[in-house]
Amino acid sequence: MKENEIATVILDKAFEIHRNLGPGLLESVYEKALEFELIQAGIFVVSQVSVPLIYKEIKFEAGFRLDLLVENKVIVEIKANEALAPVHFAQTLTYLKLSEKKLGLLINFNVKYLKDGIHRIGNNL
């Protein structure tokens, strides 16, 4: 599957979760629910992926953690905030660059209408 096809499945499942659970829960609830739904759909997903980082001579075993890595191609960062800050977008883009992935989805579940909480972030490798 290509990144856009994967994103479509992810978003379909995110909408289903939001319809069933609504806003107001912890990020971890939405993360686990999305992981479950993707696995049920036959999609390979790993949660809380630790990604090493090298800065000059320093190697960090866990430079950062991805909320979800789907089909080893799409990063999903999940939020449950009242509002997203510019740093959330920058963080997702940094994760894309450092992990050399092309597409990230920043999804804020703490909104009345999920369409208002979905943001696609691309990395022009």
PDB file of N, CA and C in Angstrom:
ATOM      1  N   MET A   1       0.839  -1.189   0.000  1.00  0.00           N
ATOM      2  CA  MET A   1       0.000   0.000   0.000  1.00  0.00           C
ATOM      3  C   MET A   1       0.885   1.255   0.000  1.00  0.00           C
ATOM      4  N   LYS A   2       0.396   2.268  -0.663  1.00  0.00           N
ATOM      5  CA  LYS A   2       1.096   3.549  -0.684  1.00  0.00           C
ATOM      6  C   LYS A   2       0.613   4.414   0.483  1.00  0.00           C
ATOM      7  N   GLU A   3       1.363   5.462   0.756  1.00  0.00           N
ATOM      8  CA  GLU A   3       1.074   6.324   1.900  1.00  0.00           C
ATOM      9  C   GLU A   3      -0.363   6.855   1.899  1.00  0.00           C
ATOM     10  N   ASN A   4      -0.841   7.320   0.757  1.00  0.00           N
ATOM     11  CA  ASN A   4      -2.204   7.878   0.714  1.00  0.00           C
ATOM     12  C   ASN A   4      -3.268   6.819   0.976  1.00  0.00           C
ATOM     13  N   GLU A   5      -3.049   5.611   0.497  1.00  0.00           N
ATOM     14  CA  GLU A   5      -3.997   4.516   0.766  1.00  0.00           C
ATOM     15  C   GLU A   5      -4.004   4.172   2.253  1.00  0.00           C
ATOM     16  N   ILE A   6      -2.829   4.149   2.844  1.00  0.00           N
ATOM     17  CA  ILE A   6      -2.722   3.870   4.274  1.00  0.00           C
ATOM     18  C   ILE A   6      -3.425   4.976   5.070  1.00  0.00           C
ATOM     19  N   ALA A   7      -3.193   6.222   4.672  1.00  0.00           N
ATOM     20  CA  ALA A   7      -3.812   7.357   5.360  1.00  0.00           C
ATOM     21  C   ALA A   7      -5.330   7.269   5.311  1.00  0.00           C
ATOM     22  N   THR A   8      -5.868   6.827   4.187  1.00  0.00           N
ATOM     23  CA  THR A   8      -7.320   6.690   4.062  1.00  0.00           C
ATOM     24  C   THR A   8      -7.868   5.696   5.082  1.00  0.00           C
ATOM     25  N   VAL A   9      -7.197   4.569   5.233  1.00  0.00           N
ATOM     26  CA  VAL A   9      -7.635   3.567   6.213  1.00  0.00           C
ATOM     27  C   VAL A   9      -7.521   4.125   7.624  1.00  0.00           C
ATOM     28  N   ILE A  10      -6.408   4.778   7.922  1.00  0.00           N
ATOM     29  CA  ILE A  10      -6.209   5.363   9.249  1.00  0.00           C
ATOM     30  C   ILE A  10      -7.331   6.349   9.569  1.00  0.00           C
ATOM     31  N   LEU A  11      -7.632   7.214   8.630  1.00  0.00           N
ATOM     32  CA  LEU A  11      -8.661   8.230   8.881  1.00  0.00           C
ATOM     33  C   LEU A  11     -10.050   7.626   8.999  1.00  0.00           C
ATOM     34  N   ASP A  12     -10.352   6.610   8.200  1.00  0.00           N
ATOM     35  CA  ASP A  12     -11.639   5.914   8.339  1.00  0.00           C
ATOM     36  C   ASP A  12     -11.795   5.364   9.752  1.00  0.00           C
ATOM     37  N   LYS A  13     -10.736   4.755  10.260  1.00  0.00           N
ATOM     38  CA  LYS A  13     -10.773   4.177  11.611  1.00  0.00           C
ATOM     39  C   LYS A  13     -10.836   5.274  12.669  1.00  0.00           C
ATOM     40  N   ALA A  14     -10.126   6.378  12.449  1.00  0.00           N
ATOM     41  CA  ALA A  14     -10.160   7.490  13.404  1.00  0.00           C
ATOM     42  C   ALA A  14     -11.576   8.066  13.504  1.00  0.00           C
ATOM     43  N   PHE A  15     -12.247   8.219  12.355  1.00  0.00           N
ATOM     44  CA  PHE A  15     -13.628   8.717  12.373  1.00  0.00           C
ATOM     45  C   PHE A  15     -14.542   7.750  13.125  1.00  0.00           C
ATOM     46  N   GLU A  16     -14.355   6.470  12.913  1.00  0.00           N
ATOM     47  CA  GLU A  16     -15.163   5.469  13.614  1.00  0.00           C
ATOM     48  C   GLU A  16     -14.961   5.575  15.128  1.00  0.00           C
ATOM     49  N   ILE A  17     -13.721   5.707  15.540  1.00  0.00           N
ATOM     50  CA  ILE A  17     -13.415   5.831  16.972  1.00  0.00           C
ATOM     51  C   ILE A  17     -14.042   7.102  17.544  1.00  0.00           C
ATOM     52  N   HIS A  18     -13.904   8.197  16.831  1.00  0.00           N
ATOM     53  CA  HIS A  18     -14.440   9.469  17.322  1.00  0.00           C
ATOM     54  C   HIS A  18     -15.964   9.425  17.410  1.00  0.00           C
ATOM     55  N   ARG A  19     -16.603   8.763  16.449  1.00  0.00           N
ATOM     56  CA  ARG A  19     -18.073   8.609  16.501  1.00  0.00           C
ATOM     57  C   ARG A  19     -18.486   7.818  17.728  1.00  0.00           C
ATOM     58  N   ASN A  20     -17.717   6.779  18.061  1.00  0.00           N
ATOM     59  CA  ASN A  20     -18.074   5.911  19.181  1.00  0.00           C
ATOM     60  C   ASN A  20     -17.674   6.472  20.547  1.00  0.00           C
ATOM     61  N   LEU A  21     -16.529   7.123  20.631  1.00  0.00           N
ATOM     62  CA  LEU A  21     -16.030   7.580  21.927  1.00  0.00           C
ATOM     63  C   LEU A  21     -16.198   9.069  22.162  1.00  0.00           C
ATOM     64  N   GLY A  22     -16.203   9.848  21.089  1.00  0.00           N
ATOM     65  CA  GLY A  22     -16.300  11.297  21.226  1.00  0.00           C
ATOM     66  C   GLY A  22     -15.025  11.899  21.787  1.00  0.00           C
ATOM     67  N   PRO A  23     -15.027  13.215  21.997  1.00  0.00           N
ATOM     68  CA  PRO A  23     -13.861  13.897  22.551  1.00  0.00           C
ATOM     69  C   PRO A  23     -13.811  13.760  24.069  1.00  0.00           C
ATOM     70  N   GLY A  24     -12.678  14.184  24.649  1.00  0.00           N
ATOM     71  CA  GLY A  24     -12.590  14.285  26.104  1.00  0.00           C
ATOM     72  C   GLY A  24     -11.830  13.192  26.818  1.00  0.00           C
ATOM     73  N   LEU A  25     -11.304  12.214  26.090  1.00  0.00           N
ATOM     74  CA  LEU A  25     -10.561  11.132  26.733  1.00  0.00           C
ATOM     75  C   LEU A  25      -9.052  11.391  26.635  1.00  0.00           C
ATOM     76  N   LEU A  26      -8.273  10.538  27.265  1.00  0.00           N
ATOM     77  CA  LEU A  26      -6.820  10.649  27.213  1.00  0.00           C
ATOM     78  C   LEU A  26      -6.291  10.221  25.845  1.00  0.00           C
ATOM     79  N   GLU A  27      -5.152  10.787  25.464  1.00  0.00           N
ATOM     80  CA  GLU A  27      -4.507  10.406  24.209  1.00  0.00           C
ATOM     81  C   GLU A  27      -4.277   8.903  24.133  1.00  0.00           C
ATOM     82  N   SER A  28      -3.880   8.314  25.242  1.00  0.00           N
ATOM     83  CA  SER A  28      -3.563   6.889  25.262  1.00  0.00           C
ATOM     84  C   SER A  28      -4.768   6.021  24.884  1.00  0.00           C
ATOM     85  N   VAL A  29      -5.975   6.482  25.216  1.00  0.00           N
ATOM     86  CA  VAL A  29      -7.195   5.740  24.865  1.00  0.00           C
ATOM     87  C   VAL A  29      -7.369   5.733  23.345  1.00  0.00           C
ATOM     88  N   TYR A  30      -7.232   6.910  22.738  1.00  0.00           N
ATOM     89  CA  TYR A  30      -7.387   7.004  21.285  1.00  0.00           C
ATOM     90  C   TYR A  30      -6.277   6.237  20.557  1.00  0.00           C
ATOM     91  N   GLU A  31      -5.075   6.317  21.098  1.00  0.00           N
ATOM     92  CA  GLU A  31      -3.949   5.595  20.488  1.00  0.00           C
ATOM     93  C   GLU A  31      -4.201   4.091  20.491  1.00  0.00           C
ATOM     94  N   LYS A  32      -4.599   3.566  21.633  1.00  0.00           N
ATOM     95  CA  LYS A  32      -4.836   2.120  21.749  1.00  0.00           C
ATOM     96  C   LYS A  32      -6.021   1.701  20.879  1.00  0.00           C
ATOM     97  N   ALA A  33      -7.073   2.515  20.846  1.00  0.00           N
ATOM     98  CA  ALA A  33      -8.246   2.202  20.024  1.00  0.00           C
ATOM     99  C   ALA A  33      -7.879   2.197  18.546  1.00  0.00           C
ATOM    100  N   LEU A  34      -7.087   3.181  18.110  1.00  0.00           N
ATOM    101  CA  LEU A  34      -6.689   3.232  16.702  1.00  0.00           C
ATOM    102  C   LEU A  34      -5.775   2.067  16.351  1.00  0.00           C
ATOM    103  N   GLU A  35      -4.864   1.750  17.239  1.00  0.00           N
ATOM    104  CA  GLU A  35      -4.001   0.582  17.020  1.00  0.00           C
ATOM    105  C   GLU A  35      -4.854  -0.679  16.864  1.00  0.00           C
ATOM    106  N   PHE A  36      -5.808  -0.875  17.749  1.00  0.00           N
ATOM    107  CA  PHE A  36      -6.694  -2.041  17.692  1.00  0.00           C
ATOM    108  C   PHE A  36      -7.460  -2.096  16.372  1.00  0.00           C
ATOM    109  N   GLU A  37      -8.072  -0.984  15.983  1.00  0.00           N
ATOM    110  CA  GLU A  37      -8.869  -0.947  14.754  1.00  0.00           C
ATOM    111  C   GLU A  37      -8.012  -1.240  13.520  1.00  0.00           C
ATOM    112  N   LEU A  38      -6.803  -0.712  13.490  1.00  0.00           N
ATOM    113  CA  LEU A  38      -5.927  -0.967  12.340  1.00  0.00           C
ATOM    114  C   LEU A  38      -5.507  -2.432  12.275  1.00  0.00           C
ATOM    115  N   ILE A  39      -5.184  -2.997  13.418  1.00  0.00           N
ATOM    116  CA  ILE A  39      -4.828  -4.427  13.451  1.00  0.00           C
ATOM    117  C   ILE A  39      -6.008  -5.273  12.980  1.00  0.00           C
ATOM    118  N   GLN A  40      -7.221  -4.923  13.434  1.00  0.00           N
ATOM    119  CA  GLN A  40      -8.418  -5.656  13.015  1.00  0.00           C
ATOM    120  C   GLN A  40      -8.639  -5.556  11.509  1.00  0.00           C
ATOM    121  N   ALA A  41      -8.179  -4.468  10.912  1.00  0.00           N
ATOM    122  CA  ALA A  41      -8.321  -4.267   9.464  1.00  0.00           C
ATOM    123  C   ALA A  41      -7.172  -4.910   8.678  1.00  0.00           C
ATOM    124  N   GLY A  42      -6.285  -5.606   9.386  1.00  0.00           N
ATOM    125  CA  GLY A  42      -5.181  -6.278   8.711  1.00  0.00           C
ATOM    126  C   GLY A  42      -4.011  -5.367   8.360  1.00  0.00           C
ATOM    127  N   ILE A  43      -3.927  -4.240   9.036  1.00  0.00           N
ATOM    128  CA  ILE A  43      -2.872  -3.262   8.791  1.00  0.00           C
ATOM    129  C   ILE A  43      -1.781  -3.445   9.845  1.00  0.00           C
ATOM    130  N   PHE A  44      -0.532  -3.433   9.406  1.00  0.00           N
ATOM    131  CA  PHE A  44       0.593  -3.562  10.337  1.00  0.00           C
ATOM    132  C   PHE A  44       0.826  -2.231  11.031  1.00  0.00           C
ATOM    133  N   VAL A  45       0.797  -2.243  12.353  1.00  0.00           N
ATOM    134  CA  VAL A  45       0.969  -1.018  13.138  1.00  0.00           C
ATOM    135  C   VAL A  45       1.777  -1.336  14.392  1.00  0.00           C
ATOM    136  N   VAL A  46       2.635  -0.396  14.739  1.00  0.00           N
ATOM    137  CA  VAL A  46       3.423  -0.510  15.962  1.00  0.00           C
ATOM    138  C   VAL A  46       3.224   0.774  16.748  1.00  0.00           C
ATOM    139  N   SER A  47       3.015   0.636  18.060  1.00  0.00           N
ATOM    140  CA  SER A  47       2.805   1.831  18.881  1.00  0.00           C
ATOM    141  C   SER A  47       4.041   2.135  19.719  1.00  0.00           C
ATOM    142  N   GLN A  48       4.174   3.409  20.068  1.00  0.00           N
ATOM    143  CA  GLN A  48       5.264   3.904  20.902  1.00  0.00           C
ATOM    144  C   GLN A  48       6.629   3.418  20.404  1.00  0.00           C
ATOM    145  N   VAL A  49       6.862   3.669  19.135  1.00  0.00           N
ATOM    146  CA  VAL A  49       8.098   3.239  18.479  1.00  0.00           C
ATOM    147  C   VAL A  49       9.240   4.154  18.910  1.00  0.00           C
ATOM    148  N   SER A  50      10.231   3.566  19.534  1.00  0.00           N
ATOM    149  CA  SER A  50      11.411   4.298  19.955  1.00  0.00           C
ATOM    150  C   SER A  50      12.348   4.413  18.760  1.00  0.00           C
ATOM    151  N   VAL A  51      12.729   5.638  18.439  1.00  0.00           N
ATOM    152  CA  VAL A  51      13.582   5.872  17.274  1.00  0.00           C
ATOM    153  C   VAL A  51      14.910   6.450  17.761  1.00  0.00           C
ATOM    154  N   PRO A  52      16.019   5.777  17.430  1.00  0.00           N
ATOM    155  CA  PRO A  52      17.321   6.301  17.851  1.00  0.00           C
ATOM    156  C   PRO A  52      17.666   7.586  17.111  1.00  0.00           C
ATOM    157  N   LEU A  53      18.531   8.360  17.722  1.00  0.00           N
ATOM    158  CA  LEU A  53      18.924   9.645  17.155  1.00  0.00           C
ATOM    159  C   LEU A  53      20.410   9.843  17.406  1.00  0.00           C
ATOM    160  N   ILE A  54      21.119  10.313  16.392  1.00  0.00           N
ATOM    161  CA  ILE A  54      22.536  10.618  16.557  1.00  0.00           C
ATOM    162  C   ILE A  54      22.717  12.118  16.339  1.00  0.00           C
ATOM    163  N   TYR A  55      23.326  12.748  17.329  1.00  0.00           N
ATOM    164  CA  TYR A  55      23.674  14.160  17.230  1.00  0.00           C
ATOM    165  C   TYR A  55      25.176  14.264  17.457  1.00  0.00           C
ATOM    166  N   LYS A  56      25.873  14.610  16.391  1.00  0.00           N
ATOM    167  CA  LYS A  56      27.334  14.659  16.403  1.00  0.00           C
ATOM    168  C   LYS A  56      27.855  13.316  16.898  1.00  0.00           C
ATOM    169  N   GLU A  57      28.559  13.261  18.029  1.00  0.00           N
ATOM    170  CA  GLU A  57      29.086  11.982  18.526  1.00  0.00           C
ATOM    171  C   GLU A  57      28.188  11.319  19.562  1.00  0.00           C
ATOM    172  N   ILE A  58      27.040  11.919  19.828  1.00  0.00           N
ATOM    173  CA  ILE A  58      26.146  11.398  20.861  1.00  0.00           C
ATOM    174  C   ILE A  58      25.059  10.555  20.204  1.00  0.00           C
ATOM    175  N   LYS A  59      24.910   9.326  20.698  1.00  0.00           N
ATOM    176  CA  LYS A  59      23.831   8.466  20.198  1.00  0.00           C
ATOM    177  C   LYS A  59      22.788   8.295  21.298  1.00  0.00           C
ATOM    178  N   PHE A  60      21.564   8.678  20.950  1.00  0.00           N
ATOM    179  CA  PHE A  60      20.431   8.489  21.860  1.00  0.00           C
ATOM    180  C   PHE A  60      19.685   7.242  21.414  1.00  0.00           C
ATOM    181  N   GLU A  61      19.560   6.273  22.295  1.00  0.00           N
ATOM    182  CA  GLU A  61      18.839   5.045  21.939  1.00  0.00           C
ATOM    183  C   GLU A  61      17.374   5.329  21.655  1.00  0.00           C
ATOM    184  N   ALA A  62      16.819   6.269  22.388  1.00  0.00           N
ATOM    185  CA  ALA A  62      15.422   6.661  22.177  1.00  0.00           C
ATOM    186  C   ALA A  62      15.380   8.176  22.044  1.00  0.00           C
ATOM    187  N   GLY A  63      15.723   8.660  20.877  1.00  0.00           N
ATOM    188  CA  GLY A  63      15.713  10.098  20.626  1.00  0.00           C
ATOM    189  C   GLY A  63      14.308  10.668  20.692  1.00  0.00           C
ATOM    190  N   PHE A  64      13.345   9.864  20.251  1.00  0.00           N
ATOM    191  CA  PHE A  64      11.944  10.251  20.322  1.00  0.00           C
ATOM    192  C   PHE A  64      11.088   9.010  20.142  1.00  0.00           C
ATOM    193  N   ARG A  65       9.808   9.139  20.440  1.00  0.00           N
ATOM    194  CA  ARG A  65       8.867   8.028  20.304  1.00  0.00           C
ATOM    195  C   ARG A  65       7.727   8.440  19.385  1.00  0.00           C
ATOM    196  N   LEU A  66       7.453   7.591  18.425  1.00  0.00           N
ATOM    197  CA  LEU A  66       6.309   7.793  17.538  1.00  0.00           C
ATOM    198  C   LEU A  66       5.085   7.179  18.202  1.00  0.00           C
ATOM    199  N   ASP A  67       3.959   7.874  18.170  1.00  0.00           N
ATOM    200  CA  ASP A  67       2.743   7.282  18.739  1.00  0.00           C
ATOM    201  C   ASP A  67       2.398   6.006  17.979  1.00  0.00           C
ATOM    202  N   LEU A  68       2.253   6.116  16.664  1.00  0.00           N
ATOM    203  CA  LEU A  68       1.969   4.945  15.827  1.00  0.00           C
ATOM    204  C   LEU A  68       2.778   5.038  14.538  1.00  0.00           C
ATOM    205  N   LEU A  69       3.322   3.916  14.134  1.00  0.00           N
ATOM    206  CA  LEU A  69       3.955   3.798  12.823  1.00  0.00           C
ATOM    207  C   LEU A  69       3.159   2.737  12.067  1.00  0.00           C
ATOM    208  N   VAL A  70       2.565   3.141  10.963  1.00  0.00           N
ATOM    209  CA  VAL A  70       1.634   2.283  10.234  1.00  0.00           C
ATOM    210  C   VAL A  70       2.270   1.825   8.927  1.00  0.00           C
ATOM    211  N   GLU A  71       2.309   0.493   8.760  1.00  0.00           N
ATOM    212  CA  GLU A  71       2.887  -0.128   7.558  1.00  0.00           C
ATOM    213  C   GLU A  71       4.313   0.375   7.301  1.00  0.00           C
ATOM    214  N   ASN A  72       4.992   0.770   8.363  1.00  0.00           N
ATOM    215  CA  ASN A  72       6.360   1.284   8.290  1.00  0.00           C
ATOM    216  C   ASN A  72       6.484   2.465   7.322  1.00  0.00           C
ATOM    217  N   LYS A  73       5.376   3.181   7.081  1.00  0.00           N
ATOM    218  CA  LYS A  73       5.377   4.277   6.117  1.00  0.00           C
ATOM    219  C   LYS A  73       4.764   5.566   6.640  1.00  0.00           C
ATOM    220  N   VAL A  74       3.723   5.464   7.458  1.00  0.00           N
ATOM    221  CA  VAL A  74       2.981   6.647   7.888  1.00  0.00           C
ATOM    222  C   VAL A  74       3.081   6.788   9.407  1.00  0.00           C
ATOM    223  N   ILE A  75       3.486   7.982   9.826  1.00  0.00           N
ATOM    224  CA  ILE A  75       3.557   8.299  11.255  1.00  0.00           C
ATOM    225  C   ILE A  75       2.231   8.930  11.669  1.00  0.00           C
ATOM    226  N   VAL A  76       1.685   8.461  12.792  1.00  0.00           N
ATOM    227  CA  VAL A  76       0.461   9.053  13.338  1.00  0.00           C
ATOM    228  C   VAL A  76       0.790   9.592  14.723  1.00  0.00           C
ATOM    229  N   GLU A  77       0.627  10.890  14.874  1.00  0.00           N
ATOM    230  CA  GLU A  77       0.788  11.528  16.173  1.00  0.00           C
ATOM    231  C   GLU A  77      -0.607  11.880  16.670  1.00  0.00           C
ATOM    232  N   ILE A  78      -0.918  11.399  17.855  1.00  0.00           N
ATOM    233  CA  ILE A  78      -2.260  11.554  18.415  1.00  0.00           C
ATOM    234  C   ILE A  78      -2.230  12.570  19.547  1.00  0.00           C
ATOM    235  N   LYS A  79      -3.184  13.467  19.511  1.00  0.00           N
ATOM    236  CA  LYS A  79      -3.341  14.463  20.564  1.00  0.00           C
ATOM    237  C   LYS A  79      -4.781  14.444  21.063  1.00  0.00           C
ATOM    238  N   ALA A  80      -4.955  14.921  22.284  1.00  0.00           N
ATOM    239  CA  ALA A  80      -6.289  15.108  22.851  1.00  0.00           C
ATOM    240  C   ALA A  80      -6.266  16.440  23.599  1.00  0.00           C
ATOM    241  N   ASN A  81      -5.904  17.475  22.855  1.00  0.00           N
ATOM    242  CA  ASN A  81      -5.741  18.813  23.428  1.00  0.00           C
ATOM    243  C   ASN A  81      -6.899  19.716  23.035  1.00  0.00           C
ATOM    244  N   GLU A  82      -7.073  20.764  23.823  1.00  0.00           N
ATOM    245  CA  GLU A  82      -8.099  21.746  23.487  1.00  0.00           C
ATOM    246  C   GLU A  82      -7.778  22.424  22.159  1.00  0.00           C
ATOM    247  N   ALA A  83      -6.498  22.664  21.940  1.00  0.00           N
ATOM    248  CA  ALA A  83      -6.062  23.257  20.677  1.00  0.00           C
ATOM    249  C   ALA A  83      -4.631  22.784  20.393  1.00  0.00           C
ATOM    250  N   LEU A  84      -4.298  22.652  19.120  1.00  0.00           N
ATOM    251  CA  LEU A  84      -2.944  22.286  18.743  1.00  0.00           C
ATOM    252  C   LEU A  84      -2.097  23.554  18.677  1.00  0.00           C
ATOM    253  N   ALA A  85      -0.863  23.429  19.115  1.00  0.00           N
ATOM    254  CA  ALA A  85       0.082  24.544  19.065  1.00  0.00           C
ATOM    255  C   ALA A  85       1.008  24.346  17.866  1.00  0.00           C
ATOM    256  N   PRO A  86       1.633  25.404  17.396  1.00  0.00           N
ATOM    257  CA  PRO A  86       2.585  25.265  16.284  1.00  0.00           C
ATOM    258  C   PRO A  86       3.665  24.211  16.535  1.00  0.00           C
ATOM    259  N   VAL A  87       4.039  24.036  17.789  1.00  0.00           N
ATOM    260  CA  VAL A  87       5.079  23.049  18.110  1.00  0.00           C
ATOM    261  C   VAL A  87       4.624  21.622  17.772  1.00  0.00           C
ATOM    262  N   HIS A  88       3.328  21.329  17.831  1.00  0.00           N
ATOM    263  CA  HIS A  88       2.840  19.989  17.495  1.00  0.00           C
ATOM    264  C   HIS A  88       3.085  19.682  16.017  1.00  0.00           C
ATOM    265  N   PHE A  89       2.890  20.674  15.175  1.00  0.00           N
ATOM    266  CA  PHE A  89       3.134  20.506  13.735  1.00  0.00           C
ATOM    267  C   PHE A  89       4.625  20.363  13.472  1.00  0.00           C
ATOM    268  N   ALA A  90       5.423  21.210  14.132  1.00  0.00           N
ATOM    269  CA  ALA A  90       6.881  21.157  13.965  1.00  0.00           C
ATOM    270  C   ALA A  90       7.437  19.824  14.457  1.00  0.00           C
ATOM    271  N   GLN A  91       6.915  19.343  15.564  1.00  0.00           N
ATOM    272  CA  GLN A  91       7.356  18.065  16.124  1.00  0.00           C
ATOM    273  C   GLN A  91       7.082  16.933  15.144  1.00  0.00           C
ATOM    274  N   THR A  92       5.901  16.912  14.576  1.00  0.00           N
ATOM    275  CA  THR A  92       5.547  15.854  13.627  1.00  0.00           C
ATOM    276  C   THR A  92       6.438  15.917  12.395  1.00  0.00           C
ATOM    277  N   LEU A  93       6.698  17.105  11.898  1.00  0.00           N
ATOM    278  CA  LEU A  93       7.584  17.255  10.738  1.00  0.00           C
ATOM    279  C   LEU A  93       9.006  16.805  11.088  1.00  0.00           C
ATOM    280  N   THR A  94       9.481  17.131  12.270  1.00  0.00           N
ATOM    281  CA  THR A  94      10.810  16.684  12.704  1.00  0.00           C
ATOM    282  C   THR A  94      10.862  15.163  12.762  1.00  0.00           C
ATOM    283  N   TYR A  95       9.814  14.539  13.301  1.00  0.00           N
ATOM    284  CA  TYR A  95       9.755  13.079  13.350  1.00  0.00           C
ATOM    285  C   TYR A  95       9.830  12.484  11.949  1.00  0.00           C
ATOM    286  N   LEU A  96       9.118  13.096  11.010  1.00  0.00           N
ATOM    287  CA  LEU A  96       9.152  12.615   9.624  1.00  0.00           C
ATOM    288  C   LEU A  96      10.564  12.699   9.060  1.00  0.00           C
ATOM    289  N   LYS A  97      11.203  13.833   9.249  1.00  0.00           N
ATOM    290  CA  LYS A  97      12.544  14.028   8.708  1.00  0.00           C
ATOM    291  C   LYS A  97      13.546  13.056   9.319  1.00  0.00           C
ATOM    292  N   LEU A  98      13.536  12.940  10.645  1.00  0.00           N
ATOM    293  CA  LEU A  98      14.513  12.098  11.316  1.00  0.00           C
ATOM    294  C   LEU A  98      14.304  10.609  11.057  1.00  0.00           C
ATOM    295  N   SER A  99      13.064  10.211  10.801  1.00  0.00           N
ATOM    296  CA  SER A  99      12.788   8.799  10.518  1.00  0.00           C
ATOM    297  C   SER A  99      12.725   8.519   9.022  1.00  0.00           C
ATOM    298  N   GLU A 100      12.904   9.572   8.213  1.00  0.00           N
ATOM    299  CA  GLU A 100      12.905   9.462   6.753  1.00  0.00           C
ATOM    300  C   GLU A 100      11.608   8.869   6.201  1.00  0.00           C
ATOM    301  N   LYS A 101      10.494   9.350   6.744  1.00  0.00           N
ATOM    302  CA  LYS A 101       9.170   8.969   6.258  1.00  0.00           C
ATOM    303  C   LYS A 101       8.578  10.147   5.495  1.00  0.00           C
ATOM    304  N   LYS A 102       7.653   9.853   4.600  1.00  0.00           N
ATOM    305  CA  LYS A 102       7.080  10.885   3.743  1.00  0.00           C
ATOM    306  C   LYS A 102       5.820  11.536   4.296  1.00  0.00           C
ATOM    307  N   LEU A 103       5.004  10.770   5.041  1.00  0.00           N
ATOM    308  CA  LEU A 103       3.694  11.274   5.445  1.00  0.00           C
ATOM    309  C   LEU A 103       3.434  11.080   6.926  1.00  0.00           C
ATOM    310  N   GLY A 104       2.916  12.134   7.542  1.00  0.00           N
ATOM    311  CA  GLY A 104       2.496  12.067   8.932  1.00  0.00           C
ATOM    312  C   GLY A 104       1.076  12.577   9.063  1.00  0.00           C
ATOM    313  N   LEU A 105       0.356  12.006   9.992  1.00  0.00           N
ATOM    314  CA  LEU A 105      -0.988  12.480  10.324  1.00  0.00           C
ATOM    315  C   LEU A 105      -0.969  12.932  11.776  1.00  0.00           C
ATOM    316  N   LEU A 106      -1.308  14.177  11.994  1.00  0.00           N
ATOM    317  CA  LEU A 106      -1.452  14.726  13.334  1.00  0.00           C
ATOM    318  C   LEU A 106      -2.945  14.788  13.589  1.00  0.00           C
ATOM    319  N   ILE A 107      -3.411  13.972  14.530  1.00  0.00           N
ATOM    320  CA  ILE A 107      -4.852  13.858  14.776  1.00  0.00           C
ATOM    321  C   ILE A 107      -5.160  14.281  16.206  1.00  0.00           C
ATOM    322  N   ASN A 108      -5.957  15.324  16.333  1.00  0.00           N
ATOM    323  CA  ASN A 108      -6.420  15.783  17.638  1.00  0.00           C
ATOM    324  C   ASN A 108      -7.863  15.298  17.823  1.00  0.00           C
ATOM    325  N   PHE A 109      -8.048  14.357  18.737  1.00  0.00           N
ATOM    326  CA  PHE A 109      -9.369  13.782  18.972  1.00  0.00           C
ATOM    327  C   PHE A 109     -10.256  14.654  19.870  1.00  0.00           C
ATOM    328  N   ASN A 110      -9.686  15.671  20.492  1.00  0.00           N
ATOM    329  CA  ASN A 110     -10.461  16.485  21.424  1.00  0.00           C
ATOM    330  C   ASN A 110     -11.132  17.661  20.714  1.00  0.00           C
ATOM    331  N   VAL A 111     -11.902  17.341  19.686  1.00  0.00           N
ATOM    332  CA  VAL A 111     -12.645  18.337  18.915  1.00  0.00           C
ATOM    333  C   VAL A 111     -14.068  17.818  18.714  1.00  0.00           C
ATOM    334  N   LYS A 112     -14.991  18.746  18.490  1.00  0.00           N
ATOM    335  CA  LYS A 112     -16.380  18.338  18.278  1.00  0.00           C
ATOM    336  C   LYS A 112     -16.522  17.540  16.984  1.00  0.00           C
ATOM    337  N   TYR A 113     -15.889  18.042  15.922  1.00  0.00           N
ATOM    338  CA  TYR A 113     -15.910  17.370  14.617  1.00  0.00           C
ATOM    339  C   TYR A 113     -14.492  16.956  14.263  1.00  0.00           C
ATOM    340  N   LEU A 114     -14.260  15.664  14.121  1.00  0.00           N
ATOM    341  CA  LEU A 114     -12.905  15.163  13.916  1.00  0.00           C
ATOM    342  C   LEU A 114     -12.235  15.777  12.691  1.00  0.00           C
ATOM    343  N   LYS A 115     -13.010  16.108  11.668  1.00  0.00           N
ATOM    344  CA  LYS A 115     -12.414  16.706  10.461  1.00  0.00           C
ATOM    345  C   LYS A 115     -11.619  17.961  10.804  1.00  0.00           C
ATOM    346  N   ASP A 116     -11.991  18.640  11.893  1.00  0.00           N
ATOM    347  CA  ASP A 116     -11.272  19.842  12.322  1.00  0.00           C
ATOM    348  C   ASP A 116      -9.972  19.505  13.052  1.00  0.00           C
ATOM    349  N   GLY A 117      -9.803  18.258  13.423  1.00  0.00           N
ATOM    350  CA  GLY A 117      -8.612  17.854  14.172  1.00  0.00           C
ATOM    351  C   GLY A 117      -7.602  17.070  13.366  1.00  0.00           C
ATOM    352  N   ILE A 118      -7.826  16.917  12.077  1.00  0.00           N
ATOM    353  CA  ILE A 118      -6.936  16.114  11.218  1.00  0.00           C
ATOM    354  C   ILE A 118      -6.021  17.016  10.407  1.00  0.00           C
ATOM    355  N   HIS A 119      -4.744  16.702  10.462  1.00  0.00           N
ATOM    356  CA  HIS A 119      -3.750  17.486   9.719  1.00  0.00           C
ATOM    357  C   HIS A 119      -2.757  16.530   9.061  1.00  0.00           C
ATOM    358  N   ARG A 120      -2.612  16.669   7.747  1.00  0.00           N
ATOM    359  CA  ARG A 120      -1.621  15.894   6.985  1.00  0.00           C
ATOM    360  C   ARG A 120      -0.339  16.719   6.936  1.00  0.00           C
ATOM    361  N   ILE A 121       0.756  16.053   7.214  1.00  0.00           N
ATOM    362  CA  ILE A 121       2.047  16.729   7.173  1.00  0.00           C
ATOM    363  C   ILE A 121       2.966  15.914   6.284  1.00  0.00           C
ATOM    364  N   GLY A 122       3.504  16.566   5.262  1.00  0.00           N
ATOM    365  CA  GLY A 122       4.364  15.879   4.314  1.00  0.00           C
ATOM    366  C   GLY A 122       5.815  16.242   4.506  1.00  0.00           C
ATOM    367  N   ASN A 123       6.669  15.290   4.166  1.00  0.00           N
ATOM    368  CA  ASN A 123       8.104  15.491   4.212  1.00  0.00           C
ATOM    369  C   ASN A 123       8.640  15.290   2.806  1.00  0.00           C
ATOM    370  N   ASN A 124       9.125  16.352   2.206  1.00  0.00           N
ATOM    371  CA  ASN A 124       9.696  16.257   0.861  1.00  0.00           C
ATOM    372  C   ASN A 124      11.125  15.768   0.967  1.00  0.00           C
ATOM    373  N   LEU A 125      11.270  14.448   0.990  1.00  0.00           N
ATOM    374  CA  LEU A 125      12.607  13.859   1.157  1.00  0.00           C
ATOM    375  C   LEU A 125      13.513  14.398   0.140  1.00  0.00           C
TER     376      LEU A 125
END
